[in-house]
């Protein structure tokens, strides 16, 4: 029971990270401003130049800080079926865990589609030793995630370092993931680049 509760809490924590940290690609990049006239035009032009450089500096800092990023690619080999991961989100910097205390040291998530056309979501999170969920937590969801629990959840909770993080690439080979609902298991080899 505690194991299932901890998985639910971990899944909710990571979902919250994605919802808050990644934002939406549909957000407008700016809004139209009235055209300045006269003496205000020179001042506004100079200020706009400063704003552009500040925005570029902030973007560079965001990339270097490990803030959530999009893009990337990877594969999941699930019992011999290769699933292409086409949408990747990563947060490679330590952050406080929403539940269980301690910190989440990194999160790598990806989405793809299996050969049956079902959506596949993978979540890899590493919790530090001060967390109730200490270690590497790998969850693979196959199908639509709904409150009714329609998706198949394959999960593994393993010691920290089982999943290697080399630069922006997370990988693990021959990981046994279990479907607690059905009592079955599968073997997964995963490589995802942020």
Protein backbone atom coordinates (compact mmCIF):
# COMPACT_ATOMS: atom_id res chain seq x y z
CA UNK A 1 0.00 0.00 0.00
CA UNK A 2 2.82 2.41 0.93
CA UNK A 3 4.57 1.60 -2.35
CA UNK A 4 1.48 2.49 -4.41
CA UNK A 5 0.89 5.64 -2.36
CA UNK A 6 4.48 6.76 -2.91
CA UNK A 7 4.16 6.17 -6.65
CA UNK A 8 1.00 8.25 -6.79
CA UNK A 9 2.66 11.08 -4.85
CA UNK A 10 5.73 10.92 -7.12
CA UNK A 11 3.57 10.99 -10.25
CA UNK A 12 1.57 13.96 -8.98
CA UNK A 13 4.79 15.79 -8.06
CA UNK A 14 6.27 15.33 -11.50
CA UNK A 15 3.01 16.24 -13.24
CA UNK A 16 2.94 19.46 -11.23
CA UNK A 17 6.53 20.19 -12.26
CA UNK A 18 5.63 19.80 -15.92
CA UNK A 19 2.46 21.88 -15.64
CA UNK A 20 4.19 24.73 -13.81
CA UNK A 21 7.69 24.60 -15.26
CA UNK A 22 7.20 24.03 -18.94
CA UNK A 23 4.47 26.54 -19.75
CA UNK A 24 2.69 26.51 -23.06
CA UNK A 25 4.11 26.82 -26.53
CA UNK A 26 0.95 28.75 -27.47
CA UNK A 27 1.83 31.70 -25.24
CA UNK A 28 2.40 34.90 -27.19
CA UNK A 29 5.99 36.10 -27.32
CA UNK A 30 5.08 39.74 -26.96
CA UNK A 31 2.23 42.17 -27.32
CA UNK A 32 1.82 45.05 -29.71
CA UNK A 33 2.88 48.40 -28.26
CA UNK A 34 1.74 51.80 -29.45
CA UNK A 35 4.21 53.41 -31.86
CA UNK A 36 6.24 56.04 -29.98
CA UNK A 37 6.47 59.53 -31.42
CA UNK A 38 8.85 62.47 -31.12
CA UNK A 39 11.44 62.46 -28.34
CA UNK A 40 10.01 59.31 -26.74
CA UNK A 41 11.02 57.23 -29.79
CA UNK A 42 14.77 57.49 -29.13
CA UNK A 43 14.36 56.63 -25.45
CA UNK A 44 12.06 53.70 -26.23
CA UNK A 45 14.44 52.40 -28.91
CA UNK A 46 17.37 52.47 -26.50
CA UNK A 47 15.27 50.76 -23.81
CA UNK A 48 14.13 48.09 -26.30
CA UNK A 49 17.77 47.34 -27.12
CA UNK A 50 18.49 46.88 -23.41
CA UNK A 51 15.42 44.67 -23.00
CA UNK A 52 16.48 42.46 -25.91
CA UNK A 53 19.94 41.91 -24.44
CA UNK A 54 18.42 41.28 -20.99
CA UNK A 55 16.03 38.72 -22.50
CA UNK A 56 18.90 37.00 -24.33
CA UNK A 57 20.93 36.93 -21.09
CA UNK A 58 17.94 35.49 -19.21
CA UNK A 59 17.45 32.83 -21.89
CA UNK A 60 21.14 31.87 -21.67
CA UNK A 61 20.91 31.68 -17.89
CA UNK A 62 17.76 29.51 -18.14
CA UNK A 63 19.56 27.05 -20.40
CA UNK A 64 22.57 26.89 -18.08
CA UNK A 65 20.54 26.65 -14.85
CA UNK A 66 18.87 23.34 -15.67
CA UNK A 67 15.43 24.95 -15.97
CA UNK A 68 12.82 22.87 -17.79
CA UNK A 69 13.63 22.57 -21.46
CA UNK A 70 11.77 21.17 -24.45
CA UNK A 71 13.01 19.37 -27.55
CA UNK A 72 15.32 16.38 -27.47
CA UNK A 73 14.69 12.81 -28.54
CA UNK A 74 15.24 9.23 -27.50
CA UNK A 75 14.08 5.64 -27.52
CA UNK A 76 12.50 3.15 -25.17
CA UNK A 77 13.14 -0.51 -25.96
CA UNK A 78 10.28 -2.23 -24.14
CA UNK A 79 10.59 -6.02 -24.44
CA UNK A 80 11.98 -5.59 -27.97
CA UNK A 81 9.51 -2.96 -29.19
CA UNK A 82 11.34 0.26 -30.01
CA UNK A 83 9.29 3.33 -29.09
CA UNK A 84 10.55 6.64 -30.45
CA UNK A 85 10.45 9.48 -27.93
CA UNK A 86 9.77 12.62 -29.91
CA UNK A 87 8.89 15.17 -27.23
CA UNK A 88 11.27 15.59 -24.28
CA UNK A 89 11.18 17.84 -21.22
CA UNK A 90 14.05 18.02 -18.75
CA UNK A 91 14.83 19.73 -15.48
CA UNK A 92 18.43 18.88 -14.63
CA UNK A 93 18.84 20.98 -11.49
CA UNK A 94 17.99 20.08 -7.89
CA UNK A 95 14.64 21.32 -6.60
CA UNK A 96 12.62 20.69 -3.43
CA UNK A 97 10.34 17.66 -3.69
CA UNK A 98 6.64 18.53 -3.43
CA UNK A 99 6.02 15.42 -1.31
CA UNK A 100 8.20 13.14 0.76
CA UNK A 101 10.77 15.75 1.77
CA UNK A 102 14.26 16.06 0.35
CA UNK A 103 14.99 17.12 -3.20
CA UNK A 104 14.41 15.93 -6.74
CA UNK A 105 17.88 15.99 -8.31
CA UNK A 106 16.69 15.75 -11.92
CA UNK A 107 13.63 14.97 -14.02
CA UNK A 108 13.64 13.68 -17.60
CA UNK A 109 10.28 13.13 -19.31
CA UNK A 110 9.32 12.11 -22.81
CA UNK A 111 6.35 11.25 -24.96
CA UNK A 112 5.97 8.96 -27.93
CA UNK A 113 3.65 6.37 -29.42
CA UNK A 114 3.84 2.58 -29.46
CA UNK A 115 3.20 0.33 -32.48
CA UNK A 116 -0.50 0.08 -31.56
CA UNK A 117 -0.84 3.85 -31.73
CA UNK A 118 -1.16 4.24 -27.96
CA UNK A 119 0.48 7.29 -26.36
CA UNK A 120 3.51 6.51 -24.20
CA UNK A 121 4.75 8.80 -21.43
CA UNK A 122 8.00 8.19 -19.57
CA UNK A 123 9.12 9.92 -16.40
CA UNK A 124 12.56 9.47 -14.84
CA UNK A 125 13.16 11.24 -11.52
CA UNK A 126 16.01 10.99 -9.04
CA UNK A 127 15.20 11.75 -5.41
CA UNK A 128 18.03 12.49 -2.96
CA UNK A 129 18.78 10.39 0.13
CA UNK A 130 16.81 12.77 2.38
CA UNK A 131 13.59 12.02 0.50
CA UNK A 132 11.05 9.37 1.47
CA UNK A 133 11.30 8.28 -2.19
CA UNK A 134 15.14 8.16 -2.30
CA UNK A 135 16.59 6.67 -5.49
CA UNK A 136 15.79 6.58 -9.19
CA UNK A 137 12.09 6.40 -10.03
CA UNK A 138 11.16 5.30 -13.57
CA UNK A 139 7.54 5.29 -14.68
CA UNK A 140 6.21 4.41 -18.13
CA UNK A 141 2.54 5.00 -18.91
CA UNK A 142 0.96 3.38 -21.98
CA UNK A 143 -2.46 4.69 -23.04
CA UNK A 144 -4.46 7.75 -22.05
CA UNK A 145 -3.86 8.83 -18.47
CA UNK A 146 -7.27 9.37 -16.86
CA UNK A 147 -8.70 9.48 -13.36
CA UNK A 148 -10.18 6.05 -14.07
CA UNK A 149 -6.67 4.64 -14.30
CA UNK A 150 -7.04 3.41 -17.88
CA UNK A 151 -3.32 3.65 -18.71
CA UNK A 152 -0.95 0.77 -18.06
CA UNK A 153 1.71 1.88 -15.58
CA UNK A 154 5.07 0.18 -15.61
CA UNK A 155 7.34 1.31 -12.79
CA UNK A 156 10.70 0.68 -11.19
CA UNK A 157 12.11 2.18 -8.01
CA UNK A 158 15.86 1.48 -7.97
CA UNK A 159 18.96 2.81 -6.18
CA UNK A 160 20.23 6.25 -7.23
CA UNK A 161 22.70 5.91 -10.10
CA UNK A 162 20.94 2.98 -11.77
CA UNK A 163 19.90 5.52 -14.39
CA UNK A 164 23.00 7.32 -15.63
CA UNK A 165 22.85 11.00 -16.49
CA UNK A 166 25.73 11.93 -18.80
CA UNK A 167 25.47 15.59 -19.70
CA UNK A 168 21.89 15.87 -20.91
CA UNK A 169 21.42 12.17 -21.72
CA UNK A 170 19.64 9.76 -19.36
CA UNK A 171 20.08 6.05 -20.02
CA UNK A 172 19.49 2.68 -18.43
CA UNK A 173 19.76 -0.83 -19.89
CA UNK A 174 17.83 -3.95 -18.96
CA UNK A 175 15.67 -2.31 -16.29
CA UNK A 176 12.88 -4.51 -14.95
CA UNK A 177 9.66 -2.48 -14.83
CA UNK A 178 6.57 -3.88 -13.13
CA UNK A 179 2.86 -3.49 -13.76
CA UNK A 180 1.56 -3.79 -10.21
CA UNK A 181 -2.07 -3.89 -11.37
CA UNK A 182 -1.58 -7.06 -13.42
CA UNK A 183 1.44 -8.52 -11.62
CA UNK A 184 3.44 -8.65 -14.87
CA UNK A 185 6.81 -7.16 -15.73
CA UNK A 186 8.80 -6.08 -18.77
CA UNK A 187 12.40 -5.18 -19.53
CA UNK A 188 13.16 -1.62 -20.62
CA UNK A 189 16.28 -0.05 -22.07
CA UNK A 190 15.97 3.71 -22.25
CA UNK A 191 18.06 6.50 -23.77
CA UNK A 192 16.71 10.04 -23.80
CA UNK A 193 18.69 13.15 -24.74
CA UNK A 194 17.47 16.52 -23.52
